[in-house]
Amino acid sequence: MTTVSMTEARHVLTELADQVRISGERVCISKNNKPALALVPLEDVRLLEMLEDMIDLKEALEALEEPGGIYHEAFKKKLGL
């Protein structure tokens, strides 16, 4: 992964964006010599979001199995919604 400073990234943002978009390479941007953020291909972001959704679904299904839990419709009725 390429690392550039925030100052350098400001000057070459278009080139960095093209590098990420075309080659799929990730770019780390540092501030005060510490990693601060990254430019990543959109496919990476979509994959992360999909993984987060899978984790959320797994946790929701596990919560439904917990004793004393109530289903959405019953909860809404209890709240008078």
C-alpha atoms as a PDB file:
ATOM      1  CA  MET A   1       0.000   0.000   0.000  1.00  0.00           C
ATOM      2  CA  THR A   2       1.298   3.395  -0.965  1.00  0.00           C
ATOM      3  CA  THR A   3       1.443   6.008   1.812  1.00  0.00           C
ATOM      4  CA  VAL A   4       1.381   9.753   1.180  1.00  0.00           C
ATOM      5  CA  SER A   5       1.097  12.737   3.483  1.00  0.00           C
ATOM      6  CA  MET A   6      -2.103  14.761   3.676  1.00  0.00           C
ATOM      7  CA  THR A   7      -0.237  17.716   2.140  1.00  0.00           C
ATOM      8  CA  GLU A   8       0.969  15.651  -0.808  1.00  0.00           C
ATOM      9  CA  ALA A   9      -2.466  14.062  -1.252  1.00  0.00           C
ATOM     10  CA  ARG A  10      -4.035  17.520  -1.601  1.00  0.00           C
ATOM     11  CA  HIS A  11      -1.751  18.269  -4.516  1.00  0.00           C
ATOM     12  CA  VAL A  12      -2.157  14.950  -6.325  1.00  0.00           C
ATOM     13  CA  LEU A  13      -5.685  13.862  -5.377  1.00  0.00           C
ATOM     14  CA  THR A  14      -6.808  13.307  -8.961  1.00  0.00           C
ATOM     15  CA  GLU A  15      -3.788  11.126  -9.697  1.00  0.00           C
ATOM     16  CA  LEU A  16      -4.272   9.140  -6.483  1.00  0.00           C
ATOM     17  CA  ALA A  17      -7.964   8.654  -7.232  1.00  0.00           C
ATOM     18  CA  ASP A  18      -7.143   7.369 -10.716  1.00  0.00           C
ATOM     19  CA  GLN A  19      -4.498   5.041  -9.275  1.00  0.00           C
ATOM     20  CA  VAL A  20      -7.042   3.563  -6.875  1.00  0.00           C
ATOM     21  CA  ARG A  21      -9.838   3.420  -9.432  1.00  0.00           C
ATOM     22  CA  ILE A  22      -7.812   1.878 -12.257  1.00  0.00           C
ATOM     23  CA  SER A  23      -5.330  -0.408 -10.511  1.00  0.00           C
ATOM     24  CA  GLY A  24      -7.330  -1.173  -7.379  1.00  0.00           C
ATOM     25  CA  GLU A  25      -4.364  -0.189  -5.228  1.00  0.00           C
ATOM     26  CA  ARG A  26      -5.134   1.161  -1.775  1.00  0.00           C
ATOM     27  CA  VAL A  27      -3.521   4.432  -0.687  1.00  0.00           C
ATOM     28  CA  CYS A  28      -2.912   5.378   2.934  1.00  0.00           C
ATOM     29  CA  ILE A  29      -2.965   9.093   3.733  1.00  0.00           C
ATOM     30  CA  SER A  30      -1.072  10.158   6.825  1.00  0.00           C
ATOM     31  CA  LYS A  31      -1.330  13.237   8.986  1.00  0.00           C
ATOM     32  CA  ASN A  32       1.543  14.135  11.292  1.00  0.00           C
ATOM     33  CA  ASN A  33       3.304  10.936  10.206  1.00  0.00           C
ATOM     34  CA  LYS A  34       0.412   8.756  11.443  1.00  0.00           C
ATOM     35  CA  PRO A  35      -2.034   6.861   9.208  1.00  0.00           C
ATOM     36  CA  ALA A  36      -5.250   8.884   9.108  1.00  0.00           C
ATOM     37  CA  LEU A  37      -7.401   7.545   6.271  1.00  0.00           C
ATOM     38  CA  ALA A  38      -7.307   5.495   3.126  1.00  0.00           C
ATOM     39  CA  LEU A  39      -8.448   5.731  -0.452  1.00  0.00           C
ATOM     40  CA  VAL A  40      -9.793   2.333  -1.436  1.00  0.00           C
ATOM     41  CA  PRO A  41     -11.587   0.964  -4.483  1.00  0.00           C
ATOM     42  CA  LEU A  42     -15.364   1.103  -4.314  1.00  0.00           C
ATOM     43  CA  GLU A  43     -15.448  -2.695  -4.523  1.00  0.00           C
ATOM     44  CA  ASP A  44     -13.627  -2.831  -1.165  1.00  0.00           C
ATOM     45  CA  VAL A  45     -16.215  -0.539   0.418  1.00  0.00           C
ATOM     46  CA  ARG A  46     -19.071  -2.645  -0.953  1.00  0.00           C
ATOM     47  CA  LEU A  47     -17.448  -5.783   0.432  1.00  0.00           C
ATOM     48  CA  LEU A  48     -17.034  -4.168   3.866  1.00  0.00           C
ATOM     49  CA  GLU A  49     -20.680  -3.079   3.855  1.00  0.00           C
ATOM     50  CA  MET A  50     -21.779  -6.592   2.888  1.00  0.00           C
ATOM     51  CA  LEU A  51     -19.728  -8.068   5.741  1.00  0.00           C
ATOM     52  CA  GLU A  52     -21.213  -5.556   8.186  1.00  0.00           C
ATOM     53  CA  ASP A  53     -24.719  -6.473   7.006  1.00  0.00           C
ATOM     54  CA  MET A  54     -23.961 -10.179   7.492  1.00  0.00           C
ATOM     55  CA  ILE A  55     -22.687  -9.537  11.028  1.00  0.00           C
ATOM     56  CA  ASP A  56     -25.768  -7.427  11.843  1.00  0.00           C
ATOM     57  CA  LEU A  57     -28.082 -10.147  10.526  1.00  0.00           C
ATOM     58  CA  LYS A  58     -26.282 -12.829  12.533  1.00  0.00           C
ATOM     59  CA  GLU A  59     -26.561 -10.736  15.704  1.00  0.00           C
ATOM     60  CA  ALA A  60     -30.244  -9.994  15.046  1.00  0.00           C
ATOM     61  CA  LEU A  61     -31.040 -13.672  14.533  1.00  0.00           C
ATOM     62  CA  GLU A  62     -29.172 -14.547  17.732  1.00  0.00           C
ATOM     63  CA  ALA A  63     -31.106 -11.850  19.613  1.00  0.00           C
ATOM     64  CA  LEU A  64     -34.393 -13.377  18.445  1.00  0.00           C
ATOM     65  CA  GLU A  65     -33.367 -16.663  20.058  1.00  0.00           C
ATOM     66  CA  GLU A  66     -32.674 -15.075  23.455  1.00  0.00           C
ATOM     67  CA  PRO A  67     -35.171 -15.933  26.175  1.00  0.00           C
ATOM     68  CA  GLY A  68     -37.612 -13.159  26.967  1.00  0.00           C
ATOM     69  CA  GLY A  69     -37.203 -11.472  23.594  1.00  0.00           C
ATOM     70  CA  ILE A  70     -40.263 -10.268  21.720  1.00  0.00           C
ATOM     71  CA  TYR A  71     -40.887  -9.961  18.020  1.00  0.00           C
ATOM     72  CA  HIS A  72     -41.164  -6.667  16.181  1.00  0.00           C
ATOM     73  CA  GLU A  73     -44.975  -6.732  15.807  1.00  0.00           C
ATOM     74  CA  ALA A  74     -45.477  -7.574  19.494  1.00  0.00           C
ATOM     75  CA  PHE A  75     -43.083  -4.781  20.473  1.00  0.00           C
ATOM     76  CA  LYS A  76     -44.936  -2.261  18.291  1.00  0.00           C
ATOM     77  CA  LYS A  77     -48.264  -3.364  19.823  1.00  0.00           C
ATOM     78  CA  LYS A  78     -46.803  -2.994  23.321  1.00  0.00           C
ATOM     79  CA  LEU A  79     -45.789   0.585  22.440  1.00  0.00           C
ATOM     80  CA  GLY A  80     -49.191   1.297  20.918  1.00  0.00           C
ATOM     81  CA  LEU A  81     -47.841   1.809  17.425  1.00  0.00           C
END
